[in-house]
ModelCIF file with pLDDT and N, C-alpha, C, O atoms, coordinates in Angstrom:
data_MODEL
#
_entry.id   MODEL 
#
_entity.id                         1 
_entity.type                       polymer 
_entity.pdbx_number_of_molecules   1 
#
_entity_poly.entity_id                      1 
_entity_poly.type                           'polypeptide(L)' 
_entity_poly.nstd_linkage                   no 
_entity_poly.nstd_monomer                   no 
_entity_poly.pdbx_seq_one_letter_code       
;(UNK)(UNK)(UNK)(UNK)(UNK)(UNK)(UNK)(UNK)(UNK)(UNK)(UNK)(UNK)(UNK)(UNK)(UNK)(UNK)
(UNK)(UNK)(UNK)(UNK)(UNK)(UNK)(UNK)(UNK)(UNK)(UNK)(UNK)(UNK)(UNK)(UNK)(UNK)(UNK)
(UNK)
;
_entity_poly.pdbx_seq_one_letter_code_can   XXXXXXXXXXXXXXXXXXXXXXXXXXXXXXXXX 
_entity_poly.pdbx_strand_id                 A 
#
loop_
_entity_poly_seq.entity_id 
_entity_poly_seq.num 
_entity_poly_seq.mon_id 
_entity_poly_seq.hetero 
1 1  UNK n 
1 2  UNK n 
1 3  UNK n 
1 4  UNK n 
1 5  UNK n 
1 6  UNK n 
1 7  UNK n 
1 8  UNK n 
1 9  UNK n 
1 10 UNK n 
1 11 UNK n 
1 12 UNK n 
1 13 UNK n 
1 14 UNK n 
1 15 UNK n 
1 16 UNK n 
1 17 UNK n 
1 18 UNK n 
1 19 UNK n 
1 20 UNK n 
1 21 UNK n 
1 22 UNK n 
1 23 UNK n 
1 24 UNK n 
1 25 UNK n 
1 26 UNK n 
1 27 UNK n 
1 28 UNK n 
1 29 UNK n 
1 30 UNK n 
1 31 UNK n 
1 32 UNK n 
1 33 UNK n 
#
_struct_asym.id          A 
_struct_asym.entity_id   1 
#
loop_
_ma_qa_metric.id 
_ma_qa_metric.mode 
_ma_qa_metric.name 
_ma_qa_metric.software_group_id 
_ma_qa_metric.type 
1 global pLDDT . pLDDT 
2 local  pLDDT . pLDDT 
#
_ma_qa_metric_global.metric_id      1 
_ma_qa_metric_global.metric_value   95.88 
_ma_qa_metric_global.model_id       1 
_ma_qa_metric_global.ordinal_id     1 
#
loop_
_ma_qa_metric_local.label_asym_id 
_ma_qa_metric_local.label_comp_id 
_ma_qa_metric_local.label_seq_id 
_ma_qa_metric_local.metric_id 
_ma_qa_metric_local.metric_value 
_ma_qa_metric_local.model_id 
_ma_qa_metric_local.ordinal_id 
A UNK 1  2 98.00 1 1  
A UNK 2  2 98.00 1 2  
A UNK 3  2 98.00 1 3  
A UNK 4  2 98.00 1 4  
A UNK 5  2 98.00 1 5  
A UNK 6  2 98.00 1 6  
A UNK 7  2 98.00 1 7  
A UNK 8  2 98.00 1 8  
A UNK 9  2 98.00 1 9  
A UNK 10 2 98.00 1 10 
A UNK 11 2 98.00 1 11 
A UNK 12 2 98.00 1 12 
A UNK 13 2 97.00 1 13 
A UNK 14 2 97.00 1 14 
A UNK 15 2 96.00 1 15 
A UNK 16 2 96.00 1 16 
A UNK 17 2 97.00 1 17 
A UNK 18 2 96.00 1 18 
A UNK 19 2 93.00 1 19 
A UNK 20 2 96.00 1 20 
A UNK 21 2 95.00 1 21 
A UNK 22 2 91.00 1 22 
A UNK 23 2 90.00 1 23 
A UNK 24 2 91.00 1 24 
A UNK 25 2 90.00 1 25 
A UNK 26 2 93.00 1 26 
A UNK 27 2 92.00 1 27 
A UNK 28 2 95.00 1 28 
A UNK 29 2 95.00 1 29 
A UNK 30 2 97.00 1 30 
A UNK 31 2 97.00 1 31 
A UNK 32 2 97.00 1 32 
A UNK 33 2 97.00 1 33 
#
loop_
_atom_site.group_PDB 
_atom_site.id 
_atom_site.type_symbol 
_atom_site.label_atom_id 
_atom_site.label_alt_id 
_atom_site.label_comp_id 
_atom_site.label_asym_id 
_atom_site.label_entity_id 
_atom_site.label_seq_id 
_atom_site.pdbx_PDB_ins_code 
_atom_site.Cartn_x 
_atom_site.Cartn_y 
_atom_site.Cartn_z 
_atom_site.occupancy 
_atom_site.B_iso_or_equiv 
_atom_site.pdbx_formal_charge 
_atom_site.auth_seq_id 
_atom_site.auth_comp_id 
_atom_site.auth_asym_id 
_atom_site.auth_atom_id 
_atom_site.pdbx_PDB_model_num 
ATOM 1   N N  . UNK A 1 1  ? -52.579 -39.239 9.815  1.00 98.00 ? 1  UNK A N  1 
ATOM 2   C CA . UNK A 1 1  ? -53.878 -38.223 9.545  1.00 98.00 ? 1  UNK A CA 1 
ATOM 3   C C  . UNK A 1 1  ? -53.453 -36.828 9.115  1.00 98.00 ? 1  UNK A C  1 
ATOM 4   O O  . UNK A 1 1  ? -52.582 -35.987 9.339  1.00 98.00 ? 1  UNK A O  1 
ATOM 5   N N  . UNK A 1 2  ? -54.216 -36.974 8.596  1.00 98.00 ? 2  UNK A N  1 
ATOM 6   C CA . UNK A 1 2  ? -54.195 -35.155 8.534  1.00 98.00 ? 2  UNK A CA 1 
ATOM 7   C C  . UNK A 1 2  ? -55.915 -34.367 7.889  1.00 98.00 ? 2  UNK A C  1 
ATOM 8   O O  . UNK A 1 2  ? -56.840 -35.159 7.707  1.00 98.00 ? 2  UNK A O  1 
ATOM 9   N N  . UNK A 1 3  ? -56.115 -33.094 7.653  1.00 98.00 ? 3  UNK A N  1 
ATOM 10  C CA . UNK A 1 3  ? -57.487 -33.421 7.687  1.00 98.00 ? 3  UNK A CA 1 
ATOM 11  C C  . UNK A 1 3  ? -58.133 -33.763 6.500  1.00 98.00 ? 3  UNK A C  1 
ATOM 12  O O  . UNK A 1 3  ? -59.348 -33.751 6.696  1.00 98.00 ? 3  UNK A O  1 
ATOM 13  N N  . UNK A 1 4  ? -57.791 -34.123 5.123  1.00 98.00 ? 4  UNK A N  1 
ATOM 14  C CA . UNK A 1 4  ? -58.088 -34.631 4.096  1.00 98.00 ? 4  UNK A CA 1 
ATOM 15  C C  . UNK A 1 4  ? -57.046 -36.121 3.828  1.00 98.00 ? 4  UNK A C  1 
ATOM 16  O O  . UNK A 1 4  ? -55.997 -36.283 4.451  1.00 98.00 ? 4  UNK A O  1 
ATOM 17  N N  . UNK A 1 5  ? -57.622 -37.205 2.703  1.00 98.00 ? 5  UNK A N  1 
ATOM 18  C CA . UNK A 1 5  ? -56.792 -37.764 2.429  1.00 98.00 ? 5  UNK A CA 1 
ATOM 19  C C  . UNK A 1 5  ? -55.592 -37.605 1.519  1.00 98.00 ? 5  UNK A C  1 
ATOM 20  O O  . UNK A 1 5  ? -54.462 -38.089 1.588  1.00 98.00 ? 5  UNK A O  1 
ATOM 21  N N  . UNK A 1 6  ? -56.193 -36.744 0.599  1.00 98.00 ? 6  UNK A N  1 
ATOM 22  C CA . UNK A 1 6  ? -54.860 -36.189 -0.201 1.00 98.00 ? 6  UNK A CA 1 
ATOM 23  C C  . UNK A 1 6  ? -53.669 -35.416 0.594  1.00 98.00 ? 6  UNK A C  1 
ATOM 24  O O  . UNK A 1 6  ? -52.560 -35.053 0.201  1.00 98.00 ? 6  UNK A O  1 
ATOM 25  N N  . UNK A 1 7  ? -54.483 -35.270 2.202  1.00 98.00 ? 7  UNK A N  1 
ATOM 26  C CA . UNK A 1 7  ? -53.567 -33.589 2.361  1.00 98.00 ? 7  UNK A CA 1 
ATOM 27  C C  . UNK A 1 7  ? -52.399 -34.852 2.862  1.00 98.00 ? 7  UNK A C  1 
ATOM 28  O O  . UNK A 1 7  ? -51.214 -34.682 2.576  1.00 98.00 ? 7  UNK A O  1 
ATOM 29  N N  . UNK A 1 8  ? -52.838 -36.104 3.620  1.00 98.00 ? 8  UNK A N  1 
ATOM 30  C CA . UNK A 1 8  ? -52.054 -37.506 3.954  1.00 98.00 ? 8  UNK A CA 1 
ATOM 31  C C  . UNK A 1 8  ? -51.326 -38.151 3.043  1.00 98.00 ? 8  UNK A C  1 
ATOM 32  O O  . UNK A 1 8  ? -50.170 -38.298 3.439  1.00 98.00 ? 8  UNK A O  1 
ATOM 33  N N  . UNK A 1 9  ? -51.495 -38.525 2.154  1.00 98.00 ? 9  UNK A N  1 
ATOM 34  C CA . UNK A 1 9  ? -50.576 -38.848 1.385  1.00 98.00 ? 9  UNK A CA 1 
ATOM 35  C C  . UNK A 1 9  ? -49.479 -37.641 0.742  1.00 98.00 ? 9  UNK A C  1 
ATOM 36  O O  . UNK A 1 9  ? -48.265 -37.680 0.939  1.00 98.00 ? 9  UNK A O  1 
ATOM 37  N N  . UNK A 1 10 ? -50.192 -36.566 -0.070 1.00 98.00 ? 10 UNK A N  1 
ATOM 38  C CA . UNK A 1 10 ? -48.833 -35.704 0.214  1.00 98.00 ? 10 UNK A CA 1 
ATOM 39  C C  . UNK A 1 10 ? -48.133 -35.760 1.502  1.00 98.00 ? 10 UNK A C  1 
ATOM 40  O O  . UNK A 1 10 ? -46.919 -35.571 1.436  1.00 98.00 ? 10 UNK A O  1 
ATOM 41  N N  . UNK A 1 11 ? -48.581 -35.953 2.528  1.00 98.00 ? 11 UNK A N  1 
ATOM 42  C CA . UNK A 1 11 ? -47.233 -35.178 3.474  1.00 98.00 ? 11 UNK A CA 1 
ATOM 43  C C  . UNK A 1 11 ? -46.245 -37.110 3.528  1.00 98.00 ? 11 UNK A C  1 
ATOM 44  O O  . UNK A 1 11 ? -45.040 -37.171 3.777  1.00 98.00 ? 11 UNK A O  1 
ATOM 45  N N  . UNK A 1 12 ? -46.971 -38.197 3.288  1.00 98.00 ? 12 UNK A N  1 
ATOM 46  C CA . UNK A 1 12 ? -46.294 -39.481 3.224  1.00 98.00 ? 12 UNK A CA 1 
ATOM 47  C C  . UNK A 1 12 ? -45.483 -39.247 2.712  1.00 98.00 ? 12 UNK A C  1 
ATOM 48  O O  . UNK A 1 12 ? -44.419 -39.033 3.292  1.00 98.00 ? 12 UNK A O  1 
ATOM 49  N N  . UNK A 1 13 ? -45.615 -39.178 1.335  1.00 97.00 ? 13 UNK A N  1 
ATOM 50  C CA . UNK A 1 13 ? -44.077 -39.077 0.522  1.00 97.00 ? 13 UNK A CA 1 
ATOM 51  C C  . UNK A 1 13 ? -42.724 -38.619 0.977  1.00 97.00 ? 13 UNK A C  1 
ATOM 52  O O  . UNK A 1 13 ? -41.618 -38.956 0.556  1.00 97.00 ? 13 UNK A O  1 
ATOM 53  N N  . UNK A 1 14 ? -42.987 -37.941 1.745  1.00 97.00 ? 14 UNK A N  1 
ATOM 54  C CA . UNK A 1 14 ? -41.583 -37.225 1.996  1.00 97.00 ? 14 UNK A CA 1 
ATOM 55  C C  . UNK A 1 14 ? -41.354 -38.566 2.594  1.00 97.00 ? 14 UNK A C  1 
ATOM 56  O O  . UNK A 1 14 ? -40.574 -39.288 1.971  1.00 97.00 ? 14 UNK A O  1 
ATOM 57  N N  . UNK A 1 15 ? -41.760 -38.929 3.429  1.00 96.00 ? 15 UNK A N  1 
ATOM 58  C CA . UNK A 1 15 ? -40.918 -40.269 3.960  1.00 96.00 ? 15 UNK A CA 1 
ATOM 59  C C  . UNK A 1 15 ? -40.323 -41.376 3.057  1.00 96.00 ? 15 UNK A C  1 
ATOM 60  O O  . UNK A 1 15 ? -39.341 -42.116 3.005  1.00 96.00 ? 15 UNK A O  1 
ATOM 61  N N  . UNK A 1 16 ? -41.766 -41.001 2.187  1.00 96.00 ? 16 UNK A N  1 
ATOM 62  C CA . UNK A 1 16 ? -41.059 -42.144 0.870  1.00 96.00 ? 16 UNK A CA 1 
ATOM 63  C C  . UNK A 1 16 ? -39.606 -42.091 -0.071 1.00 96.00 ? 16 UNK A C  1 
ATOM 64  O O  . UNK A 1 16 ? -38.743 -42.958 -0.204 1.00 96.00 ? 16 UNK A O  1 
ATOM 65  N N  . UNK A 1 17 ? -39.670 -41.173 -0.466 1.00 97.00 ? 17 UNK A N  1 
ATOM 66  C CA . UNK A 1 17 ? -38.622 -40.372 -0.845 1.00 97.00 ? 17 UNK A CA 1 
ATOM 67  C C  . UNK A 1 17 ? -37.054 -41.004 0.793  1.00 97.00 ? 17 UNK A C  1 
ATOM 68  O O  . UNK A 1 17 ? -36.293 -41.931 0.514  1.00 97.00 ? 17 UNK A O  1 
ATOM 69  N N  . UNK A 1 18 ? -37.007 -40.692 1.415  1.00 96.00 ? 18 UNK A N  1 
ATOM 70  C CA . UNK A 1 18 ? -36.512 -41.021 2.527  1.00 96.00 ? 18 UNK A CA 1 
ATOM 71  C C  . UNK A 1 18 ? -35.980 -41.533 2.097  1.00 96.00 ? 18 UNK A C  1 
ATOM 72  O O  . UNK A 1 18 ? -34.952 -41.269 1.473  1.00 96.00 ? 18 UNK A O  1 
ATOM 73  N N  . UNK A 1 19 ? -36.872 -43.145 2.409  1.00 93.00 ? 19 UNK A N  1 
ATOM 74  C CA . UNK A 1 19 ? -36.372 -44.317 2.466  1.00 93.00 ? 19 UNK A CA 1 
ATOM 75  C C  . UNK A 1 19 ? -36.156 -44.690 1.096  1.00 93.00 ? 19 UNK A C  1 
ATOM 76  O O  . UNK A 1 19 ? -35.258 -45.500 0.868  1.00 93.00 ? 19 UNK A O  1 
ATOM 77  N N  . UNK A 1 20 ? -36.941 -44.157 0.006  1.00 96.00 ? 20 UNK A N  1 
ATOM 78  C CA . UNK A 1 20 ? -35.791 -44.579 -1.057 1.00 96.00 ? 20 UNK A CA 1 
ATOM 79  C C  . UNK A 1 20 ? -34.085 -44.102 -1.242 1.00 96.00 ? 20 UNK A C  1 
ATOM 80  O O  . UNK A 1 20 ? -33.140 -44.761 -1.674 1.00 96.00 ? 20 UNK A O  1 
ATOM 81  N N  . UNK A 1 21 ? -34.128 -43.008 -0.841 1.00 95.00 ? 21 UNK A N  1 
ATOM 82  C CA . UNK A 1 21 ? -32.141 -42.526 -0.789 1.00 95.00 ? 21 UNK A CA 1 
ATOM 83  C C  . UNK A 1 21 ? -31.740 -43.468 0.882  1.00 95.00 ? 21 UNK A C  1 
ATOM 84  O O  . UNK A 1 21 ? -30.599 -43.867 1.116  1.00 95.00 ? 21 UNK A O  1 
ATOM 85  N N  . UNK A 1 22 ? -32.531 -43.605 1.541  1.00 91.00 ? 22 UNK A N  1 
ATOM 86  C CA . UNK A 1 22 ? -31.638 -45.091 2.666  1.00 91.00 ? 22 UNK A CA 1 
ATOM 87  C C  . UNK A 1 22 ? -31.318 -45.639 1.985  1.00 91.00 ? 22 UNK A C  1 
ATOM 88  O O  . UNK A 1 22 ? -30.110 -45.751 1.773  1.00 91.00 ? 22 UNK A O  1 
ATOM 89  N N  . UNK A 1 23 ? -32.571 -46.494 1.034  1.00 90.00 ? 23 UNK A N  1 
ATOM 90  C CA . UNK A 1 23 ? -31.732 -47.532 0.673  1.00 90.00 ? 23 UNK A CA 1 
ATOM 91  C C  . UNK A 1 23 ? -30.909 -47.741 -0.126 1.00 90.00 ? 23 UNK A C  1 
ATOM 92  O O  . UNK A 1 23 ? -30.111 -48.661 0.049  1.00 90.00 ? 23 UNK A O  1 
ATOM 93  N N  . UNK A 1 24 ? -30.857 -46.802 -1.434 1.00 91.00 ? 24 UNK A N  1 
ATOM 94  C CA . UNK A 1 24 ? -29.949 -46.378 -2.702 1.00 91.00 ? 24 UNK A CA 1 
ATOM 95  C C  . UNK A 1 24 ? -28.513 -46.026 -1.724 1.00 91.00 ? 24 UNK A C  1 
ATOM 96  O O  . UNK A 1 24 ? -27.717 -45.399 -2.423 1.00 91.00 ? 24 UNK A O  1 
ATOM 97  N N  . UNK A 1 25 ? -27.956 -46.269 -0.259 1.00 90.00 ? 25 UNK A N  1 
ATOM 98  C CA . UNK A 1 25 ? -27.093 -45.884 0.296  1.00 90.00 ? 25 UNK A CA 1 
ATOM 99  C C  . UNK A 1 25 ? -26.648 -44.008 -0.015 1.00 90.00 ? 25 UNK A C  1 
ATOM 100 O O  . UNK A 1 25 ? -25.477 -43.650 -0.131 1.00 90.00 ? 25 UNK A O  1 
ATOM 101 N N  . UNK A 1 26 ? -27.797 -43.067 -0.099 1.00 93.00 ? 26 UNK A N  1 
ATOM 102 C CA . UNK A 1 26 ? -27.947 -41.596 0.344  1.00 93.00 ? 26 UNK A CA 1 
ATOM 103 C C  . UNK A 1 26 ? -28.694 -41.498 1.003  1.00 93.00 ? 26 UNK A C  1 
ATOM 104 O O  . UNK A 1 26 ? -29.796 -41.360 0.471  1.00 93.00 ? 26 UNK A O  1 
ATOM 105 N N  . UNK A 1 27 ? -28.673 -41.494 2.484  1.00 92.00 ? 27 UNK A N  1 
ATOM 106 C CA . UNK A 1 27 ? -29.165 -41.114 3.499  1.00 92.00 ? 27 UNK A CA 1 
ATOM 107 C C  . UNK A 1 27 ? -29.217 -39.514 3.499  1.00 92.00 ? 27 UNK A C  1 
ATOM 108 O O  . UNK A 1 27 ? -28.148 -38.904 3.548  1.00 92.00 ? 27 UNK A O  1 
ATOM 109 N N  . UNK A 1 28 ? -30.642 -38.693 3.437  1.00 95.00 ? 28 UNK A N  1 
ATOM 110 C CA . UNK A 1 28 ? -30.480 -37.428 3.785  1.00 95.00 ? 28 UNK A CA 1 
ATOM 111 C C  . UNK A 1 28 ? -31.749 -37.091 4.834  1.00 95.00 ? 28 UNK A C  1 
ATOM 112 O O  . UNK A 1 28 ? -32.718 -37.838 4.971  1.00 95.00 ? 28 UNK A O  1 
ATOM 113 N N  . UNK A 1 29 ? -31.549 -35.777 5.572  1.00 95.00 ? 29 UNK A N  1 
ATOM 114 C CA . UNK A 1 29 ? -32.499 -35.221 6.157  1.00 95.00 ? 29 UNK A CA 1 
ATOM 115 C C  . UNK A 1 29 ? -34.497 -35.600 5.286  1.00 95.00 ? 29 UNK A C  1 
ATOM 116 O O  . UNK A 1 29 ? -34.506 -35.669 4.057  1.00 95.00 ? 29 UNK A O  1 
ATOM 117 N N  . UNK A 1 30 ? -35.378 -35.719 5.760  1.00 97.00 ? 30 UNK A N  1 
ATOM 118 C CA . UNK A 1 30 ? -36.455 -36.419 5.198  1.00 97.00 ? 30 UNK A CA 1 
ATOM 119 C C  . UNK A 1 30 ? -37.085 -34.633 3.837  1.00 97.00 ? 30 UNK A C  1 
ATOM 120 O O  . UNK A 1 30 ? -37.409 -33.538 4.298  1.00 97.00 ? 30 UNK A O  1 
ATOM 121 N N  . UNK A 1 31 ? -37.052 -34.959 2.378  1.00 97.00 ? 31 UNK A N  1 
ATOM 122 C CA . UNK A 1 31 ? -37.381 -33.479 1.999  1.00 97.00 ? 31 UNK A CA 1 
ATOM 123 C C  . UNK A 1 31 ? -38.814 -33.038 2.202  1.00 97.00 ? 31 UNK A C  1 
ATOM 124 O O  . UNK A 1 31 ? -39.567 -33.913 2.630  1.00 97.00 ? 31 UNK A O  1 
ATOM 125 N N  . UNK A 1 32 ? -39.225 -32.081 2.019  1.00 97.00 ? 32 UNK A N  1 
ATOM 126 C CA . UNK A 1 32 ? -40.529 -31.594 1.731  1.00 97.00 ? 32 UNK A CA 1 
ATOM 127 C C  . UNK A 1 32 ? -41.487 -32.185 0.893  1.00 97.00 ? 32 UNK A C  1 
ATOM 128 O O  . UNK A 1 32 ? -41.133 -32.838 -0.088 1.00 97.00 ? 32 UNK A O  1 
ATOM 129 N N  . UNK A 1 33 ? -43.234 -31.938 1.327  1.00 97.00 ? 33 UNK A N  1 
ATOM 130 C CA . UNK A 1 33 ? -43.256 -32.093 -0.046 1.00 97.00 ? 33 UNK A CA 1 
ATOM 131 C C  . UNK A 1 33 ? -43.481 -32.120 -1.389 1.00 97.00 ? 33 UNK A C  1 
ATOM 132 O O  . UNK A 1 33 ? -42.692 -32.698 -2.136 1.00 97.00 ? 33 UNK A O  1 
#
């Protein structure tokens, strides 16, 4: 949850990229938005 739906989606993409890297076998700390 964020102040706006657009901000929530922007924040969510960081976790999405983190999961993508994990699935590729290259885990890293969660990236910035």
